[in-house]
Protein backbone atom coordinates (compact mmCIF):
# COMPACT_ATOMS: atom_id res chain seq x y z
CA MET A 1 -2.17 -7.45 -0.22
CA ASN A 2 -4.94 -9.66 -1.11
CA GLN A 3 -7.40 -9.32 -3.69
CA VAL A 4 -11.04 -10.64 -3.13
CA GLN A 5 -13.49 -10.69 -5.66
CA LYS A 6 -16.94 -12.39 -5.32
CA ASP A 7 -16.73 -13.93 -8.79
CA GLY A 8 -13.12 -15.06 -8.23
CA SER A 9 -11.83 -12.76 -11.01
CA LEU A 10 -8.22 -11.11 -10.75
CA PHE A 11 -7.17 -7.46 -11.47
CA GLN A 12 -3.73 -6.38 -12.61
CA MET A 13 -3.44 -2.68 -11.51
CA PRO A 14 -1.22 -0.14 -10.39
CA VAL A 15 -2.16 1.48 -6.76
CA GLN A 16 -0.85 4.41 -5.30
CA ILE A 17 0.45 4.54 -1.87
CA ALA A 18 0.82 7.41 0.49
CA VAL A 19 3.85 7.37 2.99
CA HIS A 20 2.90 10.25 5.89
CA TYR A 21 6.09 11.22 8.24
CA LYS A 22 6.04 12.95 11.44
CA ASP A 23 8.05 16.05 9.63
CA GLY A 24 5.31 16.57 7.47
CA LYS A 25 6.83 15.09 4.30
CA THR A 26 5.04 12.42 2.01
CA GLN A 27 6.55 9.78 0.03
CA MET A 28 4.26 8.59 -3.14
CA GLU A 29 4.92 4.95 -4.51
CA ILE A 30 3.04 2.97 -6.90
CA LEU A 31 2.45 -0.47 -6.24
CA ASN A 32 1.76 -2.89 -9.26
CA VAL A 33 -0.88 -5.08 -8.18
CA ASP A 34 -0.96 -8.41 -10.27
CA LYS A 35 -1.50 -11.61 -8.19
CA LYS A 36 -4.03 -12.89 -5.81
CA THR A 37 -1.84 -12.30 -2.75
CA ASN A 38 0.92 -9.52 -3.15
CA GLU A 39 3.73 -8.44 -0.32
CA PHE A 40 5.47 -5.40 -1.05
CA ILE A 41 8.23 -3.89 1.25
CA LEU A 42 8.94 0.05 0.41
CA LYS A 43 12.34 1.80 1.84
CA VAL A 44 11.57 4.57 3.98
CA THR A 45 13.41 7.32 5.85
CA SER A 46 11.78 6.92 9.03
CA GLU A 47 8.93 5.21 10.99
CA PRO A 48 5.67 6.47 9.05
CA LYS A 49 3.24 8.49 11.14
CA GLU A 50 0.49 6.90 8.84
CA THR A 51 0.24 4.84 5.43
CA VAL A 52 -2.65 5.47 2.92
CA LEU A 53 -3.49 2.99 0.23
CA ASP A 54 -4.86 4.82 -2.91
CA PRO A 55 -4.77 8.29 -1.25
CA GLU A 56 -6.58 9.92 -4.47
CA HIS A 57 -9.40 7.39 -4.62
CA TRP A 58 -8.81 5.88 -8.08
CA VAL A 59 -9.56 2.62 -7.55
CA LEU A 60 -13.26 1.33 -6.82
CA MET A 61 -12.48 -0.89 -3.51
CA ASP A 62 -13.27 -1.55 -0.17
CA ALA A 63 -10.10 -1.67 1.75
CA ASP A 64 -8.93 -2.94 5.09
CA PHE A 65 -4.96 -1.73 4.98
CA LYS A 66 -2.95 -2.24 8.01
CA LYS A 67 0.87 -2.32 7.56
CA LYS A 68 2.42 -5.41 8.76
CA ARG A 69 5.72 -4.30 10.21
CA TYR A 70 8.19 -1.36 10.43
CA GLY A 71 12.27 -2.58 10.18
CA ALA A 72 15.21 -1.19 9.21
CA ASN A 73 14.25 1.74 7.30
CA THR A 74 11.39 -0.42 5.64
CA ILE A 75 7.44 -1.07 5.73
CA SER A 76 6.25 -4.11 4.81
CA PHE A 77 2.37 -4.70 3.88
């Protein structure tokens, strides 16, 4: 996850992520974004149907969010 500000500043903040599964369950996690480039790995119970960054729209941002990979019970982005 990369931060890009026009003035080069850096924000440190918690950001929520929702992991939605095919069975209708949702896993909520809080990510601590504190660097210009952040990589997160979350443990999951099965392959997610969808992952949503900031599902409650608390952070003012434009986001292009895609998971990098799904592996042995983890997702990385």
